[in-house]
N, C-alpha and C. Protein backbone atom coordinates (compact mmCIF):
# COMPACT_ATOMS: atom_id res chain seq x y z
N MET A 1 -103.25 53.32 43.08
CA MET A 1 -104.45 53.13 43.87
C MET A 1 -105.61 52.85 42.92
N ASN A 2 -106.35 51.79 43.23
CA ASN A 2 -107.49 51.46 42.37
C ASN A 2 -108.81 51.74 43.10
N GLU A 3 -109.91 51.39 42.48
CA GLU A 3 -111.23 51.70 43.04
C GLU A 3 -111.49 50.97 44.36
N ILE A 4 -110.97 49.76 44.50
CA ILE A 4 -111.15 49.03 45.76
C ILE A 4 -110.41 49.75 46.88
N ASP A 5 -109.19 50.20 46.61
CA ASP A 5 -108.43 50.95 47.62
C ASP A 5 -109.19 52.21 48.02
N LYS A 6 -109.76 52.91 47.04
CA LYS A 6 -110.53 54.13 47.33
C LYS A 6 -111.74 53.81 48.20
N LYS A 7 -112.40 52.70 47.90
CA LYS A 7 -113.57 52.31 48.69
C LYS A 7 -113.15 51.98 50.12
N ILE A 8 -112.04 51.28 50.27
CA ILE A 8 -111.51 50.97 51.61
C ILE A 8 -111.23 52.26 52.36
N LEU A 9 -110.55 53.20 51.72
CA LEU A 9 -110.25 54.48 52.37
C LEU A 9 -111.52 55.23 52.75
N SER A 10 -112.49 55.23 51.86
CA SER A 10 -113.75 55.92 52.14
C SER A 10 -114.43 55.35 53.37
N ILE A 11 -114.49 54.04 53.45
CA ILE A 11 -115.12 53.37 54.59
C ILE A 11 -114.33 53.64 55.87
N LEU A 12 -113.01 53.53 55.80
CA LEU A 12 -112.18 53.76 56.99
C LEU A 12 -112.24 55.21 57.47
N GLN A 13 -112.44 56.15 56.54
CA GLN A 13 -112.58 57.55 56.96
C GLN A 13 -113.84 57.75 57.79
N ASP A 14 -114.87 56.97 57.52
CA ASP A 14 -116.11 57.06 58.31
C ASP A 14 -116.03 56.27 59.61
N ASN A 15 -115.31 55.14 59.57
CA ASN A 15 -115.24 54.28 60.75
C ASN A 15 -113.96 53.46 60.71
N ALA A 16 -112.93 53.94 61.36
CA ALA A 16 -111.65 53.24 61.37
C ALA A 16 -111.67 51.98 62.24
N ASP A 17 -112.73 51.82 63.04
CA ASP A 17 -112.85 50.65 63.91
C ASP A 17 -113.67 49.52 63.30
N ILE A 18 -114.06 49.67 62.06
CA ILE A 18 -114.89 48.63 61.42
C ILE A 18 -114.13 47.30 61.43
N PRO A 19 -114.79 46.23 61.83
CA PRO A 19 -114.12 44.92 61.82
C PRO A 19 -113.70 44.55 60.39
N ILE A 20 -112.58 43.89 60.27
CA ILE A 20 -112.05 43.53 58.95
C ILE A 20 -113.04 42.65 58.19
N ALA A 21 -113.76 41.79 58.88
CA ALA A 21 -114.74 40.93 58.21
C ALA A 21 -115.84 41.76 57.55
N GLU A 22 -116.31 42.78 58.26
CA GLU A 22 -117.36 43.65 57.72
C GLU A 22 -116.82 44.50 56.57
N LEU A 23 -115.63 45.04 56.74
CA LEU A 23 -115.02 45.86 55.68
C LEU A 23 -114.79 45.03 54.42
N SER A 24 -114.27 43.84 54.59
CA SER A 24 -113.98 43.00 53.42
C SER A 24 -115.25 42.67 52.65
N LYS A 25 -116.37 42.47 53.35
CA LYS A 25 -117.64 42.22 52.66
C LYS A 25 -118.07 43.44 51.86
N LYS A 26 -117.88 44.61 52.43
CA LYS A 26 -118.31 45.85 51.75
C LYS A 26 -117.53 46.12 50.47
N VAL A 27 -116.29 45.61 50.42
CA VAL A 27 -115.46 45.84 49.23
C VAL A 27 -115.31 44.57 48.38
N ASN A 28 -116.09 43.56 48.71
CA ASN A 28 -116.11 42.29 47.95
C ASN A 28 -114.75 41.60 47.88
N LEU A 29 -114.08 41.54 49.01
CA LEU A 29 -112.81 40.81 49.13
C LEU A 29 -112.91 39.87 50.31
N SER A 30 -112.06 38.88 50.34
CA SER A 30 -111.95 38.08 51.56
C SER A 30 -111.10 38.87 52.55
N ALA A 31 -111.10 38.43 53.80
CA ALA A 31 -110.44 39.20 54.86
C ALA A 31 -108.94 39.37 54.63
N THR A 32 -108.25 38.32 54.21
CA THR A 32 -106.80 38.40 54.06
C THR A 32 -106.36 39.40 52.99
N PRO A 33 -106.91 39.38 51.78
CA PRO A 33 -106.52 40.39 50.80
C PRO A 33 -106.93 41.81 51.22
N CYS A 34 -108.05 41.92 51.92
CA CYS A 34 -108.48 43.24 52.40
C CYS A 34 -107.47 43.78 53.41
N TRP A 35 -107.07 42.93 54.34
CA TRP A 35 -106.07 43.31 55.34
C TRP A 35 -104.75 43.69 54.67
N ALA A 36 -104.37 42.93 53.65
CA ALA A 36 -103.13 43.22 52.92
C ALA A 36 -103.21 44.60 52.25
N ARG A 37 -104.37 44.92 51.69
CA ARG A 37 -104.53 46.23 51.06
C ARG A 37 -104.43 47.36 52.09
N ILE A 38 -105.03 47.15 53.25
CA ILE A 38 -104.95 48.17 54.31
C ILE A 38 -103.50 48.37 54.72
N ASN A 39 -102.78 47.29 54.93
CA ASN A 39 -101.36 47.39 55.29
C ASN A 39 -100.56 48.11 54.21
N LYS A 40 -100.86 47.82 52.96
CA LYS A 40 -100.18 48.49 51.85
C LYS A 40 -100.50 49.99 51.86
N LEU A 41 -101.75 50.34 52.14
CA LEU A 41 -102.12 51.76 52.21
C LEU A 41 -101.37 52.47 53.34
N TYR A 42 -101.15 51.78 54.44
CA TYR A 42 -100.31 52.34 55.52
C TYR A 42 -98.87 52.52 55.04
N LYS A 43 -98.30 51.47 54.48
CA LYS A 43 -96.90 51.50 54.05
C LYS A 43 -96.65 52.56 53.00
N GLN A 44 -97.62 52.77 52.11
CA GLN A 44 -97.48 53.77 51.06
C GLN A 44 -97.81 55.19 51.55
N GLY A 45 -98.24 55.31 52.80
CA GLY A 45 -98.49 56.63 53.37
C GLY A 45 -99.88 57.20 53.12
N TYR A 46 -100.76 56.43 52.51
CA TYR A 46 -102.13 56.92 52.31
C TYR A 46 -102.87 57.06 53.65
N ILE A 47 -102.63 56.11 54.53
CA ILE A 47 -103.20 56.18 55.88
C ILE A 47 -102.07 56.55 56.81
N LYS A 48 -102.21 57.68 57.48
CA LYS A 48 -101.16 58.12 58.41
C LYS A 48 -101.31 57.48 59.78
N LYS A 49 -102.55 57.49 60.29
CA LYS A 49 -102.80 56.90 61.61
C LYS A 49 -104.30 56.83 61.84
N LYS A 50 -104.70 56.06 62.84
CA LYS A 50 -106.09 56.00 63.28
C LYS A 50 -106.23 56.90 64.50
N VAL A 51 -107.30 57.67 64.53
CA VAL A 51 -107.53 58.57 65.66
C VAL A 51 -109.00 58.52 66.08
N ALA A 52 -109.26 59.02 67.28
CA ALA A 52 -110.63 59.22 67.74
C ALA A 52 -110.96 60.70 67.52
N VAL A 53 -112.06 60.98 66.87
CA VAL A 53 -112.49 62.36 66.67
C VAL A 53 -113.34 62.74 67.88
N VAL A 54 -112.83 63.65 68.69
CA VAL A 54 -113.46 64.04 69.95
C VAL A 54 -114.42 65.20 69.70
N ASP A 55 -115.58 65.16 70.32
CA ASP A 55 -116.56 66.24 70.23
C ASP A 55 -116.06 67.42 71.05
N ARG A 56 -115.71 68.51 70.38
CA ARG A 56 -115.13 69.66 71.07
C ARG A 56 -116.08 70.27 72.09
N LEU A 57 -117.38 70.19 71.84
CA LEU A 57 -118.35 70.75 72.79
C LEU A 57 -118.40 69.94 74.08
N LYS A 58 -118.21 68.63 73.97
CA LYS A 58 -118.22 67.76 75.16
C LYS A 58 -117.02 68.04 76.06
N ILE A 59 -115.95 68.58 75.49
CA ILE A 59 -114.76 68.88 76.30
C ILE A 59 -114.61 70.39 76.51
N ASN A 60 -115.73 71.11 76.39
CA ASN A 60 -115.81 72.53 76.71
C ASN A 60 -114.92 73.41 75.84
N LEU A 61 -115.00 73.23 74.53
CA LEU A 61 -114.28 74.09 73.59
C LEU A 61 -115.26 74.65 72.56
N PRO A 62 -116.22 75.49 72.99
CA PRO A 62 -117.23 75.98 72.07
C PRO A 62 -116.77 77.12 71.16
N ILE A 63 -115.70 77.80 71.51
CA ILE A 63 -115.26 78.97 70.75
C ILE A 63 -114.22 78.56 69.70
N ILE A 64 -114.52 78.88 68.44
CA ILE A 64 -113.58 78.68 67.34
C ILE A 64 -113.16 80.05 66.84
N ALA A 65 -111.86 80.31 66.88
CA ALA A 65 -111.32 81.57 66.37
C ALA A 65 -110.40 81.27 65.20
N PHE A 66 -110.50 82.10 64.18
CA PHE A 66 -109.58 82.04 63.05
C PHE A 66 -108.69 83.27 63.15
N VAL A 67 -107.41 83.04 63.34
CA VAL A 67 -106.46 84.12 63.56
C VAL A 67 -105.64 84.31 62.30
N GLN A 68 -105.68 85.53 61.78
CA GLN A 68 -104.92 85.87 60.58
C GLN A 68 -103.76 86.76 60.98
N ILE A 69 -102.58 86.43 60.49
CA ILE A 69 -101.36 87.16 60.82
C ILE A 69 -100.78 87.77 59.56
N ARG A 70 -100.47 89.05 59.65
CA ARG A 70 -99.70 89.72 58.61
C ARG A 70 -98.40 90.17 59.26
N THR A 71 -97.31 89.98 58.54
CA THR A 71 -96.02 90.36 59.08
C THR A 71 -95.15 90.98 58.00
N SER A 72 -94.28 91.86 58.41
CA SER A 72 -93.31 92.42 57.47
C SER A 72 -91.99 91.66 57.56
N GLN A 73 -91.93 90.73 58.51
CA GLN A 73 -90.71 89.96 58.71
C GLN A 73 -90.85 88.59 58.05
N HIS A 74 -89.90 88.28 57.21
CA HIS A 74 -89.95 87.00 56.52
C HIS A 74 -88.60 86.27 56.58
N SER A 75 -87.77 86.65 57.53
CA SER A 75 -86.47 85.99 57.66
C SER A 75 -86.66 84.57 58.17
N MET A 76 -85.71 83.73 57.88
CA MET A 76 -85.76 82.34 58.33
C MET A 76 -85.79 82.28 59.86
N ASN A 77 -85.02 83.12 60.51
CA ASN A 77 -84.97 83.14 61.97
C ASN A 77 -86.34 83.49 62.56
N TRP A 78 -86.96 84.55 62.04
CA TRP A 78 -88.27 84.96 62.54
C TRP A 78 -89.29 83.85 62.27
N SER A 79 -89.27 83.29 61.07
CA SER A 79 -90.23 82.23 60.72
C SER A 79 -90.10 81.04 61.65
N LYS A 80 -88.88 80.62 61.92
CA LYS A 80 -88.67 79.48 62.82
C LYS A 80 -89.20 79.78 64.22
N ARG A 81 -88.92 80.98 64.73
CA ARG A 81 -89.40 81.35 66.07
C ARG A 81 -90.93 81.41 66.10
N PHE A 82 -91.50 81.99 65.06
CA PHE A 82 -92.95 82.11 64.98
C PHE A 82 -93.62 80.74 64.90
N ILE A 83 -93.14 79.90 64.00
CA ILE A 83 -93.71 78.57 63.84
C ILE A 83 -93.58 77.77 65.13
N LYS A 84 -92.44 77.85 65.78
CA LYS A 84 -92.25 77.15 67.06
C LYS A 84 -93.24 77.65 68.10
N ALA A 85 -93.39 78.97 68.20
CA ALA A 85 -94.30 79.55 69.19
C ALA A 85 -95.73 79.10 68.96
N VAL A 86 -96.18 79.15 67.72
CA VAL A 86 -97.57 78.80 67.42
C VAL A 86 -97.81 77.30 67.57
N THR A 87 -96.92 76.47 67.07
CA THR A 87 -97.15 75.02 67.14
C THR A 87 -97.10 74.49 68.57
N GLU A 88 -96.46 75.21 69.46
CA GLU A 88 -96.40 74.79 70.86
C GLU A 88 -97.65 75.17 71.65
N MET A 89 -98.52 75.97 71.08
CA MET A 89 -99.74 76.40 71.77
C MET A 89 -100.84 75.38 71.50
N GLU A 90 -101.26 74.68 72.55
CA GLU A 90 -102.21 73.58 72.37
C GLU A 90 -103.57 74.03 71.85
N GLU A 91 -103.91 75.28 72.01
CA GLU A 91 -105.19 75.79 71.51
C GLU A 91 -105.24 75.83 69.98
N VAL A 92 -104.07 75.86 69.35
CA VAL A 92 -104.00 75.91 67.88
C VAL A 92 -104.14 74.49 67.34
N VAL A 93 -105.19 74.27 66.54
CA VAL A 93 -105.44 72.93 66.00
C VAL A 93 -105.15 72.83 64.50
N GLU A 94 -105.06 73.96 63.82
CA GLU A 94 -104.67 74.00 62.41
C GLU A 94 -103.85 75.26 62.19
N PHE A 95 -102.87 75.19 61.27
CA PHE A 95 -101.94 76.31 61.08
C PHE A 95 -101.42 76.25 59.65
N TYR A 96 -101.54 77.37 58.92
CA TYR A 96 -101.16 77.41 57.51
C TYR A 96 -100.42 78.70 57.17
N ARG A 97 -99.47 78.59 56.24
CA ARG A 97 -98.85 79.76 55.62
C ARG A 97 -99.59 79.98 54.31
N LEU A 98 -99.93 81.24 54.02
CA LEU A 98 -100.77 81.56 52.87
C LEU A 98 -100.06 82.42 51.85
N SER A 99 -100.61 82.44 50.64
CA SER A 99 -100.24 83.44 49.66
C SER A 99 -101.25 84.57 49.78
N GLY A 100 -100.94 85.73 49.22
CA GLY A 100 -101.89 86.84 49.27
C GLY A 100 -101.55 87.84 50.35
N THR A 101 -102.55 88.58 50.81
CA THR A 101 -102.30 89.68 51.75
C THR A 101 -102.13 89.21 53.18
N VAL A 102 -102.63 88.04 53.52
CA VAL A 102 -102.44 87.47 54.85
C VAL A 102 -101.33 86.43 54.76
N ASP A 103 -100.40 86.48 55.71
CA ASP A 103 -99.25 85.57 55.67
C ASP A 103 -99.54 84.21 56.31
N TYR A 104 -100.27 84.20 57.42
CA TYR A 104 -100.56 82.96 58.14
C TYR A 104 -101.99 82.99 58.64
N ILE A 105 -102.55 81.82 58.78
CA ILE A 105 -103.86 81.69 59.43
C ILE A 105 -103.82 80.45 60.30
N PHE A 106 -104.44 80.54 61.47
CA PHE A 106 -104.58 79.34 62.28
C PHE A 106 -105.93 79.32 62.97
N LYS A 107 -106.34 78.10 63.29
CA LYS A 107 -107.62 77.86 63.94
C LYS A 107 -107.35 77.55 65.40
N VAL A 108 -108.09 78.24 66.26
CA VAL A 108 -107.89 78.14 67.70
C VAL A 108 -109.19 77.68 68.35
N LEU A 109 -109.11 76.74 69.28
CA LEU A 109 -110.26 76.29 70.05
C LEU A 109 -110.05 76.66 71.51
N VAL A 110 -111.02 77.36 72.09
CA VAL A 110 -110.95 77.78 73.50
C VAL A 110 -112.34 77.68 74.14
N PRO A 111 -112.39 77.65 75.47
CA PRO A 111 -113.69 77.54 76.14
C PRO A 111 -114.46 78.86 76.25
N SER A 112 -113.76 80.00 76.13
CA SER A 112 -114.44 81.29 76.33
C SER A 112 -113.65 82.41 75.67
N ILE A 113 -114.30 83.55 75.53
CA ILE A 113 -113.62 84.73 75.00
C ILE A 113 -112.50 85.16 75.95
N GLU A 114 -112.73 85.01 77.24
CA GLU A 114 -111.69 85.35 78.22
C GLU A 114 -110.44 84.49 78.00
N LYS A 115 -110.65 83.20 77.75
CA LYS A 115 -109.50 82.32 77.49
C LYS A 115 -108.85 82.65 76.15
N TYR A 116 -109.65 83.10 75.19
CA TYR A 116 -109.05 83.54 73.93
C TYR A 116 -108.17 84.75 74.18
N ASN A 117 -108.64 85.67 75.00
CA ASN A 117 -107.85 86.86 75.31
C ASN A 117 -106.52 86.48 75.96
N GLU A 118 -106.54 85.49 76.85
CA GLU A 118 -105.30 85.00 77.45
C GLU A 118 -104.39 84.40 76.38
N PHE A 119 -104.97 83.62 75.48
CA PHE A 119 -104.22 83.05 74.36
C PHE A 119 -103.59 84.16 73.53
N TYR A 120 -104.38 85.16 73.18
CA TYR A 120 -103.92 86.28 72.35
C TYR A 120 -102.74 87.01 73.01
N LYS A 121 -102.85 87.27 74.29
CA LYS A 121 -101.76 87.96 75.01
C LYS A 121 -100.50 87.10 75.03
N LYS A 122 -100.68 85.81 75.24
CA LYS A 122 -99.54 84.89 75.24
C LYS A 122 -98.86 84.89 73.87
N LEU A 123 -99.67 84.86 72.82
CA LEU A 123 -99.15 84.86 71.45
C LEU A 123 -98.39 86.15 71.15
N THR A 124 -98.99 87.29 71.44
CA THR A 124 -98.37 88.57 71.11
C THR A 124 -97.17 88.89 72.00
N ASP A 125 -97.07 88.26 73.15
CA ASP A 125 -95.88 88.42 73.99
C ASP A 125 -94.68 87.66 73.43
N LYS A 126 -94.95 86.58 72.70
CA LYS A 126 -93.88 85.72 72.20
C LYS A 126 -93.22 86.26 70.94
N ILE A 127 -93.95 86.99 70.11
CA ILE A 127 -93.41 87.37 68.80
C ILE A 127 -94.12 88.61 68.27
N ASP A 128 -93.42 89.39 67.44
CA ASP A 128 -93.98 90.62 66.87
C ASP A 128 -94.62 90.35 65.51
N PHE A 129 -95.74 91.04 65.28
CA PHE A 129 -96.46 90.96 64.01
C PHE A 129 -96.77 92.36 63.52
N SER A 130 -97.07 92.48 62.24
CA SER A 130 -97.57 93.75 61.70
C SER A 130 -99.04 93.90 62.05
N GLU A 131 -99.78 92.79 61.93
CA GLU A 131 -101.23 92.86 62.16
C GLU A 131 -101.76 91.49 62.55
N VAL A 132 -102.64 91.48 63.53
CA VAL A 132 -103.33 90.26 63.95
C VAL A 132 -104.83 90.53 63.86
N THR A 133 -105.54 89.67 63.15
CA THR A 133 -106.99 89.79 63.04
C THR A 133 -107.61 88.48 63.48
N SER A 134 -108.59 88.57 64.36
CA SER A 134 -109.28 87.38 64.83
C SER A 134 -110.74 87.43 64.40
N SER A 135 -111.22 86.32 63.89
CA SER A 135 -112.63 86.18 63.53
C SER A 135 -113.17 84.97 64.28
N PHE A 136 -114.38 85.11 64.80
CA PHE A 136 -114.97 84.04 65.59
C PHE A 136 -116.12 83.39 64.83
N SER A 137 -116.14 82.08 64.85
CA SER A 137 -117.18 81.33 64.17
C SER A 137 -118.52 81.56 64.87
N MET A 138 -119.52 81.89 64.08
CA MET A 138 -120.88 82.05 64.60
C MET A 138 -121.62 80.71 64.56
N GLU A 139 -121.28 79.89 63.56
CA GLU A 139 -121.97 78.63 63.37
C GLU A 139 -121.07 77.69 62.56
N GLU A 140 -120.96 76.46 63.03
CA GLU A 140 -120.22 75.46 62.27
C GLU A 140 -121.19 74.81 61.29
N ILE A 141 -120.99 75.06 60.02
CA ILE A 141 -121.91 74.57 58.99
C ILE A 141 -121.48 73.21 58.46
N LYS A 142 -120.19 73.04 58.26
CA LYS A 142 -119.69 71.74 57.82
C LYS A 142 -118.37 71.47 58.52
N TYR A 143 -118.26 70.29 59.06
CA TYR A 143 -117.00 69.81 59.62
C TYR A 143 -116.86 68.35 59.23
N THR A 144 -115.75 68.02 58.65
CA THR A 144 -115.46 66.62 58.34
C THR A 144 -113.96 66.41 58.34
N SER A 145 -113.58 65.23 58.70
CA SER A 145 -112.17 64.85 58.56
C SER A 145 -111.98 63.98 57.31
N ASN A 146 -113.08 63.69 56.62
CA ASN A 146 -113.02 62.86 55.40
C ASN A 146 -112.48 63.66 54.23
N LEU A 147 -111.50 63.11 53.56
CA LEU A 147 -110.90 63.77 52.40
C LEU A 147 -111.56 63.25 51.12
N PRO A 148 -111.67 64.11 50.09
CA PRO A 148 -112.21 63.64 48.82
C PRO A 148 -111.21 62.68 48.16
N LEU A 149 -111.72 61.60 47.63
CA LEU A 149 -110.85 60.56 47.06
C LEU A 149 -110.93 60.47 45.55
N ASN A 150 -111.69 61.35 44.92
CA ASN A 150 -111.90 61.25 43.47
C ASN A 150 -110.79 61.92 42.66
N TYR A 151 -109.73 62.38 43.29
CA TYR A 151 -108.63 63.02 42.56
C TYR A 151 -107.39 62.13 42.45
N THR A 152 -107.47 60.92 42.96
CA THR A 152 -106.31 60.03 42.92
C THR A 152 -106.32 59.19 41.66
């Protein structure tokens, strides 16, 4: 990946709908080579897909909860059941396995604390944990889907 590819990715991260003519001007290429580079970035897996970033507040999802899970169970069977249960819950938008004292963390979007309580009950009915801790966002300070490109 060279500097032109990075510039293309940077621009596409801000606006994936930019017309190819406009994008090619911004990176000082003609349209055909610019299009070829974009296709190559797709084929090489740098670009996974184009999406619309939806405003969560416009669709009534003001509550952000970060759920931390600690478990004493680490068997493959338990992990598979747990991962399946969590990934099937549409309220979960991010999900990670961690090192350290917390085993898993996931981000949940819901319209209200009451709906979070329903989510929590549904989660705890599906699988056993040692400890579940929920923290609620007071303020979203930074949100971006743009990835840093200076490490490639």
